[in-house]
Amino acid sequence: MSSSAERRSNPTAWAAFWFGLAGLVLMPIPLFIGLILGGALSVVAAVLAVIGLLKGLARGGKGIAPVVFAAIFIALTWGGISIGGGTVW
């Protein structure tokens, strides 16, 4: 049986994953709604991703996969915002 101490989960990394995914999904909403919602969530996800990465590296690299996906979601969100996502129809 594995206890919670043996299980190497990284809740901060998973929070970054879900915030990043939510930011990516909300970013295309027009009239600056997506810019505000998606952009804010992606900034929160970026902060959590850095914290989750540091925690994962301190555990020998365990639990950093969600951080990698969060970084991809954040990059896609910021890339979409830079070409007009969330601001125009």
C-alpha atoms as a PDB file:
ATOM      1  CA  MET A   1       0.000   0.000   0.000  1.00  0.00           C
ATOM      2  CA  SER A   2       1.238   3.447  -0.814  1.00  0.00           C
ATOM      3  CA  SER A   3       0.737   6.204   1.686  1.00  0.00           C
ATOM      4  CA  SER A   4       0.336   9.846   0.807  1.00  0.00           C
ATOM      5  CA  ALA A   5       3.966  10.449   1.796  1.00  0.00           C
ATOM      6  CA  GLU A   6       5.157   7.885  -0.767  1.00  0.00           C
ATOM      7  CA  ARG A   7       2.950   9.199  -3.535  1.00  0.00           C
ATOM      8  CA  ARG A   8       4.807  11.943  -5.357  1.00  0.00           C
ATOM      9  CA  SER A   9       2.045  14.329  -6.344  1.00  0.00           C
ATOM     10  CA  ASN A  10       2.602  18.011  -6.996  1.00  0.00           C
ATOM     11  CA  PRO A  11      -0.649  19.910  -6.353  1.00  0.00           C
ATOM     12  CA  THR A  12       0.899  23.238  -7.342  1.00  0.00           C
ATOM     13  CA  ALA A  13       1.827  21.814 -10.737  1.00  0.00           C
ATOM     14  CA  TRP A  14      -1.689  20.491 -11.225  1.00  0.00           C
ATOM     15  CA  ALA A  15      -3.148  23.879 -10.270  1.00  0.00           C
ATOM     16  CA  ALA A  16      -0.907  25.494 -12.892  1.00  0.00           C
ATOM     17  CA  PHE A  17      -2.116  22.919 -15.426  1.00  0.00           C
ATOM     18  CA  TRP A  18      -5.810  23.633 -14.800  1.00  0.00           C
ATOM     19  CA  PHE A  19      -5.403  27.424 -14.634  1.00  0.00           C
ATOM     20  CA  GLY A  20      -3.389  27.321 -17.857  1.00  0.00           C
ATOM     21  CA  LEU A  21      -6.009  25.191 -19.588  1.00  0.00           C
ATOM     22  CA  ALA A  22      -8.822  27.476 -18.410  1.00  0.00           C
ATOM     23  CA  GLY A  23      -6.916  30.522 -19.646  1.00  0.00           C
ATOM     24  CA  LEU A  24      -6.413  28.905 -23.051  1.00  0.00           C
ATOM     25  CA  VAL A  25     -10.098  27.992 -23.327  1.00  0.00           C
ATOM     26  CA  LEU A  26     -11.335  31.444 -22.267  1.00  0.00           C
ATOM     27  CA  MET A  27      -8.844  33.484 -24.315  1.00  0.00           C
ATOM     28  CA  PRO A  28     -10.801  33.484 -27.640  1.00  0.00           C
ATOM     29  CA  ILE A  29     -13.860  35.228 -26.131  1.00  0.00           C
ATOM     30  CA  PRO A  30     -14.142  38.567 -27.990  1.00  0.00           C
ATOM     31  CA  LEU A  31     -14.559  42.147 -26.777  1.00  0.00           C
ATOM     32  CA  PHE A  32     -11.644  42.076 -24.305  1.00  0.00           C
ATOM     33  CA  ILE A  33     -13.418  39.505 -22.103  1.00  0.00           C
ATOM     34  CA  GLY A  34     -11.009  36.785 -23.182  1.00  0.00           C
ATOM     35  CA  LEU A  35      -8.057  39.109 -22.786  1.00  0.00           C
ATOM     36  CA  ILE A  36      -8.987  39.844 -19.187  1.00  0.00           C
ATOM     37  CA  LEU A  37     -10.114  36.343 -18.164  1.00  0.00           C
ATOM     38  CA  GLY A  38      -7.680  34.273 -20.194  1.00  0.00           C
ATOM     39  CA  GLY A  39      -4.761  36.599 -19.640  1.00  0.00           C
ATOM     40  CA  ALA A  40      -5.277  36.805 -15.888  1.00  0.00           C
ATOM     41  CA  LEU A  41      -5.615  33.047 -15.540  1.00  0.00           C
ATOM     42  CA  SER A  42      -2.498  32.464 -17.610  1.00  0.00           C
ATOM     43  CA  VAL A  43      -0.485  34.850 -15.427  1.00  0.00           C
ATOM     44  CA  VAL A  44      -1.659  32.976 -12.321  1.00  0.00           C
ATOM     45  CA  ALA A  45      -0.779  29.708 -14.069  1.00  0.00           C
ATOM     46  CA  ALA A  46       2.707  31.020 -14.876  1.00  0.00           C
ATOM     47  CA  VAL A  47       3.381  31.862 -11.233  1.00  0.00           C
ATOM     48  CA  LEU A  48       2.077  28.478 -10.094  1.00  0.00           C
ATOM     49  CA  ALA A  49       4.107  26.723 -12.800  1.00  0.00           C
ATOM     50  CA  VAL A  50       7.347  28.252 -11.526  1.00  0.00           C
ATOM     51  CA  ILE A  51       6.510  27.242  -7.960  1.00  0.00           C
ATOM     52  CA  GLY A  52       5.456  23.755  -9.093  1.00  0.00           C
ATOM     53  CA  LEU A  53       8.641  23.358 -11.111  1.00  0.00           C
ATOM     54  CA  LEU A  54      10.808  24.306  -8.147  1.00  0.00           C
ATOM     55  CA  LYS A  55       8.902  21.881  -5.906  1.00  0.00           C
ATOM     56  CA  GLY A  56       9.179  19.124  -8.502  1.00  0.00           C
ATOM     57  CA  LEU A  57      12.890  19.646  -8.997  1.00  0.00           C
ATOM     58  CA  ALA A  58      13.392  19.540  -5.224  1.00  0.00           C
ATOM     59  CA  ARG A  59      11.761  16.093  -5.283  1.00  0.00           C
ATOM     60  CA  GLY A  60      14.108  14.800  -7.923  1.00  0.00           C
ATOM     61  CA  GLY A  61      11.983  15.709 -10.939  1.00  0.00           C
ATOM     62  CA  LYS A  62       8.825  13.967  -9.748  1.00  0.00           C
ATOM     63  CA  GLY A  63       5.586  15.685 -10.696  1.00  0.00           C
ATOM     64  CA  ILE A  64       6.836  18.180 -13.268  1.00  0.00           C
ATOM     65  CA  ALA A  65       4.868  16.816 -16.240  1.00  0.00           C
ATOM     66  CA  PRO A  66       1.825  19.030 -15.467  1.00  0.00           C
ATOM     67  CA  VAL A  67       4.173  22.030 -15.400  1.00  0.00           C
ATOM     68  CA  VAL A  68       5.351  21.229 -18.917  1.00  0.00           C
ATOM     69  CA  PHE A  69       1.778  21.093 -20.201  1.00  0.00           C
ATOM     70  CA  ALA A  70       0.906  24.269 -18.273  1.00  0.00           C
ATOM     71  CA  ALA A  71       3.837  26.031 -19.952  1.00  0.00           C
ATOM     72  CA  ILE A  72       2.514  24.944 -23.349  1.00  0.00           C
ATOM     73  CA  PHE A  73      -0.972  26.236 -22.501  1.00  0.00           C
ATOM     74  CA  ILE A  74       0.479  29.530 -21.238  1.00  0.00           C
ATOM     75  CA  ALA A  75       2.568  29.981 -24.389  1.00  0.00           C
ATOM     76  CA  LEU A  76      -0.443  29.288 -26.607  1.00  0.00           C
ATOM     77  CA  THR A  77      -2.584  31.718 -24.619  1.00  0.00           C
ATOM     78  CA  TRP A  78       0.003  34.505 -24.757  1.00  0.00           C
ATOM     79  CA  GLY A  79       0.615  33.798 -28.434  1.00  0.00           C
ATOM     80  CA  GLY A  80      -3.099  34.002 -29.138  1.00  0.00           C
ATOM     81  CA  ILE A  81      -3.425  37.238 -27.213  1.00  0.00           C
ATOM     82  CA  SER A  82      -0.481  38.721 -29.100  1.00  0.00           C
ATOM     83  CA  ILE A  83      -2.253  38.160 -32.435  1.00  0.00           C
ATOM     84  CA  GLY A  84      -5.528  39.647 -31.256  1.00  0.00           C
ATOM     85  CA  GLY A  85      -7.261  36.837 -29.410  1.00  0.00           C
ATOM     86  CA  GLY A  86      -9.772  38.089 -26.879  1.00  0.00           C
ATOM     87  CA  THR A  87      -9.929  41.575 -28.331  1.00  0.00           C
ATOM     88  CA  VAL A  88     -11.515  41.300 -31.783  1.00  0.00           C
ATOM     89  CA  TRP A  89     -14.323  39.286 -33.289  1.00  0.00           C
END
